[in-house]
């Protein structure tokens, strides 16, 4: 079984962690859709540039933000990723950790959509997977 879709998603996280936004967003379709379940940006946002601007704005509040892939599940064109975010708010020595779930849809080697869930189990359920 090919793991090409999972490789695309892993690469996106790696590029984001390295601060290489251009490389990360080369793996995203120009009409990319991102859905935020909870945040100031709640809802679905369309367009690679729009989503990039939202993410860059969110990251500006932190001196450090690392996304660790804990588990990854592939099902057709969907990749469900359970992650741990490790963030350090600007001007602090505090590290905050949160666990989340993401559901990516990959077609022809690029991400066409992403949906973030505040709870990893919700991501698994949305993709029809149960732990």
C-alpha atoms as a PDB file:
ATOM      1  CA  UNK A   1       0.000   0.000   0.000  1.00  0.00           C
ATOM      2  CA  UNK A   2       1.295   3.427  -0.944  1.00  0.00           C
ATOM      3  CA  UNK A   3       1.755   6.011   1.771  1.00  0.00           C
ATOM      4  CA  UNK A   4       2.063   8.978  -0.584  1.00  0.00           C
ATOM      5  CA  UNK A   5      -0.787  10.911   1.050  1.00  0.00           C
ATOM      6  CA  UNK A   6       0.714  10.439   4.506  1.00  0.00           C
ATOM      7  CA  UNK A   7       4.089  11.567   3.167  1.00  0.00           C
ATOM      8  CA  UNK A   8       2.521  14.791   1.859  1.00  0.00           C
ATOM      9  CA  UNK A   9       1.016  15.532   5.275  1.00  0.00           C
ATOM     10  CA  UNK A  10       4.219  14.696   7.139  1.00  0.00           C
ATOM     11  CA  UNK A  11       6.124  17.009   4.806  1.00  0.00           C
ATOM     12  CA  UNK A  12       3.705  19.871   5.451  1.00  0.00           C
ATOM     13  CA  UNK A  13       4.175  19.558   9.220  1.00  0.00           C
ATOM     14  CA  UNK A  14       7.959  19.282   8.831  1.00  0.00           C
ATOM     15  CA  UNK A  15       8.118  22.414   6.676  1.00  0.00           C
ATOM     16  CA  UNK A  16       5.872  24.335   9.093  1.00  0.00           C
ATOM     17  CA  UNK A  17       8.036  23.287  12.031  1.00  0.00           C
ATOM     18  CA  UNK A  18      11.133  24.403  10.110  1.00  0.00           C
ATOM     19  CA  UNK A  19       9.521  27.758   9.322  1.00  0.00           C
ATOM     20  CA  UNK A  20       9.583  27.039   5.581  1.00  0.00           C
ATOM     21  CA  UNK A  21       6.106  28.350   4.794  1.00  0.00           C
ATOM     22  CA  UNK A  22       6.757  28.488   1.043  1.00  0.00           C
ATOM     23  CA  UNK A  23       7.630  24.788   0.911  1.00  0.00           C
ATOM     24  CA  UNK A  24       4.637  23.843   3.070  1.00  0.00           C
ATOM     25  CA  UNK A  25       2.195  25.782   0.926  1.00  0.00           C
ATOM     26  CA  UNK A  26       3.590  24.384  -2.337  1.00  0.00           C
ATOM     27  CA  UNK A  27       1.959  21.137  -1.166  1.00  0.00           C
ATOM     28  CA  UNK A  28      -1.436  22.864  -0.848  1.00  0.00           C
ATOM     29  CA  UNK A  29      -3.926  23.395  -3.669  1.00  0.00           C
ATOM     30  CA  UNK A  30      -4.601  27.054  -4.595  1.00  0.00           C
ATOM     31  CA  UNK A  31      -8.295  26.495  -3.697  1.00  0.00           C
ATOM     32  CA  UNK A  32      -7.404  24.825  -0.379  1.00  0.00           C
ATOM     33  CA  UNK A  33     -10.133  24.817   2.287  1.00  0.00           C
ATOM     34  CA  UNK A  34      -9.358  24.906   6.003  1.00  0.00           C
ATOM     35  CA  UNK A  35     -12.005  24.464   8.675  1.00  0.00           C
ATOM     36  CA  UNK A  36     -11.298  25.582  12.219  1.00  0.00           C
ATOM     37  CA  UNK A  37     -13.695  24.119  14.795  1.00  0.00           C
ATOM     38  CA  UNK A  38     -12.666  26.436  17.618  1.00  0.00           C
ATOM     39  CA  UNK A  39     -10.619  29.579  17.438  1.00  0.00           C
ATOM     40  CA  UNK A  40     -10.981  33.215  16.558  1.00  0.00           C
ATOM     41  CA  UNK A  41     -11.017  31.962  12.960  1.00  0.00           C
ATOM     42  CA  UNK A  42     -13.861  29.483  13.467  1.00  0.00           C
ATOM     43  CA  UNK A  43     -15.415  28.317  10.215  1.00  0.00           C
ATOM     44  CA  UNK A  44     -14.233  27.371   6.761  1.00  0.00           C
ATOM     45  CA  UNK A  45     -11.711  29.519   4.937  1.00  0.00           C
ATOM     46  CA  UNK A  46     -10.921  29.143   1.250  1.00  0.00           C
ATOM     47  CA  UNK A  47      -7.803  29.820  -0.738  1.00  0.00           C
ATOM     48  CA  UNK A  48      -4.182  28.969  -0.040  1.00  0.00           C
ATOM     49  CA  UNK A  49      -3.166  32.604   0.563  1.00  0.00           C
ATOM     50  CA  UNK A  50      -6.069  33.269   2.938  1.00  0.00           C
ATOM     51  CA  UNK A  51      -5.323  30.169   5.017  1.00  0.00           C
ATOM     52  CA  UNK A  52      -1.610  30.943   5.084  1.00  0.00           C
ATOM     53  CA  UNK A  53      -2.327  34.457   6.391  1.00  0.00           C
ATOM     54  CA  UNK A  54      -4.519  33.045   9.173  1.00  0.00           C
ATOM     55  CA  UNK A  55      -1.864  30.530  10.246  1.00  0.00           C
ATOM     56  CA  UNK A  56       0.935  33.087  10.155  1.00  0.00           C
ATOM     57  CA  UNK A  57      -1.207  35.427  12.281  1.00  0.00           C
ATOM     58  CA  UNK A  58      -1.878  32.658  14.818  1.00  0.00           C
ATOM     59  CA  UNK A  59       1.794  31.730  15.045  1.00  0.00           C
ATOM     60  CA  UNK A  60       2.819  35.355  15.616  1.00  0.00           C
ATOM     61  CA  UNK A  61       1.615  35.034  19.221  1.00  0.00           C
ATOM     62  CA  UNK A  62       4.279  32.428  19.989  1.00  0.00           C
ATOM     63  CA  UNK A  63       8.053  32.391  20.271  1.00  0.00           C
ATOM     64  CA  UNK A  64       7.958  28.667  19.503  1.00  0.00           C
ATOM     65  CA  UNK A  65       5.332  26.342  18.035  1.00  0.00           C
ATOM     66  CA  UNK A  66       6.134  22.719  17.223  1.00  0.00           C
ATOM     67  CA  UNK A  67       3.665  20.196  15.872  1.00  0.00           C
ATOM     68  CA  UNK A  68       4.492  16.593  16.764  1.00  0.00           C
ATOM     69  CA  UNK A  69       2.744  13.807  14.865  1.00  0.00           C
ATOM     70  CA  UNK A  70       1.663  11.241  17.454  1.00  0.00           C
ATOM     71  CA  UNK A  71      -0.342   8.936  15.192  1.00  0.00           C
ATOM     72  CA  UNK A  72      -1.395   8.914  11.593  1.00  0.00           C
ATOM     73  CA  UNK A  73      -4.166   6.963   9.855  1.00  0.00           C
ATOM     74  CA  UNK A  74      -4.724   6.760   6.096  1.00  0.00           C
ATOM     75  CA  UNK A  75      -8.085   5.977   4.563  1.00  0.00           C
ATOM     76  CA  UNK A  76      -8.394   6.569   0.834  1.00  0.00           C
ATOM     77  CA  UNK A  77      -7.695  10.228   0.120  1.00  0.00           C
ATOM     78  CA  UNK A  78      -8.018  11.160   3.796  1.00  0.00           C
ATOM     79  CA  UNK A  79      -5.222  11.283   6.339  1.00  0.00           C
ATOM     80  CA  UNK A  80      -6.167  11.590  10.005  1.00  0.00           C
ATOM     81  CA  UNK A  81      -3.388  12.900  12.197  1.00  0.00           C
ATOM     82  CA  UNK A  82      -3.327  12.993  15.981  1.00  0.00           C
ATOM     83  CA  UNK A  83      -0.897  15.684  17.061  1.00  0.00           C
ATOM     84  CA  UNK A  84       0.628  17.372  20.066  1.00  0.00           C
ATOM     85  CA  UNK A  85       1.190  21.114  19.774  1.00  0.00           C
ATOM     86  CA  UNK A  86       3.996  22.469  21.920  1.00  0.00           C
ATOM     87  CA  UNK A  87       3.819  26.244  22.070  1.00  0.00           C
ATOM     88  CA  UNK A  88       5.649  28.928  23.993  1.00  0.00           C
ATOM     89  CA  UNK A  89       3.663  32.177  24.166  1.00  0.00           C
ATOM     90  CA  UNK A  90       5.712  35.277  23.324  1.00  0.00           C
ATOM     91  CA  UNK A  91       7.694  36.712  26.198  1.00  0.00           C
ATOM     92  CA  UNK A  92       7.294  33.687  28.484  1.00  0.00           C
ATOM     93  CA  UNK A  93       9.274  30.629  29.506  1.00  0.00           C
ATOM     94  CA  UNK A  94       6.090  28.565  29.680  1.00  0.00           C
ATOM     95  CA  UNK A  95       5.442  25.662  27.326  1.00  0.00           C
ATOM     96  CA  UNK A  96       1.816  24.774  26.708  1.00  0.00           C
ATOM     97  CA  UNK A  97       0.870  21.412  25.235  1.00  0.00           C
ATOM     98  CA  UNK A  98      -2.400  20.535  23.554  1.00  0.00           C
ATOM     99  CA  UNK A  99      -3.508  17.409  21.736  1.00  0.00           C
ATOM    100  CA  UNK A 100      -5.612  17.843  18.633  1.00  0.00           C
ATOM    101  CA  UNK A 101      -6.779  15.931  15.601  1.00  0.00           C
ATOM    102  CA  UNK A 102      -6.567  16.938  11.959  1.00  0.00           C
ATOM    103  CA  UNK A 103      -8.289  15.447   8.930  1.00  0.00           C
ATOM    104  CA  UNK A 104      -6.569  16.156   5.614  1.00  0.00           C
ATOM    105  CA  UNK A 105      -7.843  15.367   2.134  1.00  0.00           C
ATOM    106  CA  UNK A 106      -5.075  14.786  -0.406  1.00  0.00           C
ATOM    107  CA  UNK A 107      -5.580  14.531  -4.158  1.00  0.00           C
ATOM    108  CA  UNK A 108      -2.905  14.186  -6.814  1.00  0.00           C
ATOM    109  CA  UNK A 109      -0.137  14.820  -4.294  1.00  0.00           C
ATOM    110  CA  UNK A 110      -1.500  18.077  -2.833  1.00  0.00           C
ATOM    111  CA  UNK A 111      -3.702  18.938   0.133  1.00  0.00           C
ATOM    112  CA  UNK A 112      -7.150  20.119  -0.937  1.00  0.00           C
ATOM    113  CA  UNK A 113      -8.680  20.427   2.528  1.00  0.00           C
ATOM    114  CA  UNK A 114      -7.923  20.323   6.236  1.00  0.00           C
ATOM    115  CA  UNK A 115     -10.201  20.274   9.253  1.00  0.00           C
ATOM    116  CA  UNK A 116      -8.880  20.793  12.762  1.00  0.00           C
ATOM    117  CA  UNK A 117     -10.549  19.266  15.802  1.00  0.00           C
ATOM    118  CA  UNK A 118      -9.883  20.267  19.414  1.00  0.00           C
ATOM    119  CA  UNK A 119     -10.170  16.609  20.461  1.00  0.00           C
ATOM    120  CA  UNK A 120      -8.285  13.821  18.652  1.00  0.00           C
ATOM    121  CA  UNK A 121     -11.258  11.435  19.018  1.00  0.00           C
ATOM    122  CA  UNK A 122     -13.461  13.876  17.108  1.00  0.00           C
ATOM    123  CA  UNK A 123     -11.072  13.748  14.158  1.00  0.00           C
ATOM    124  CA  UNK A 124     -11.136   9.951  14.162  1.00  0.00           C
ATOM    125  CA  UNK A 125     -14.928   9.940  14.332  1.00  0.00           C
ATOM    126  CA  UNK A 126     -15.255  12.510  11.525  1.00  0.00           C
ATOM    127  CA  UNK A 127     -13.200  10.224   9.279  1.00  0.00           C
ATOM    128  CA  UNK A 128     -15.216   7.148  10.242  1.00  0.00           C
ATOM    129  CA  UNK A 129     -12.436   5.700  12.376  1.00  0.00           C
ATOM    130  CA  UNK A 130     -12.767   4.732  16.013  1.00  0.00           C
ATOM    131  CA  UNK A 131     -10.007   4.004  18.511  1.00  0.00           C
END
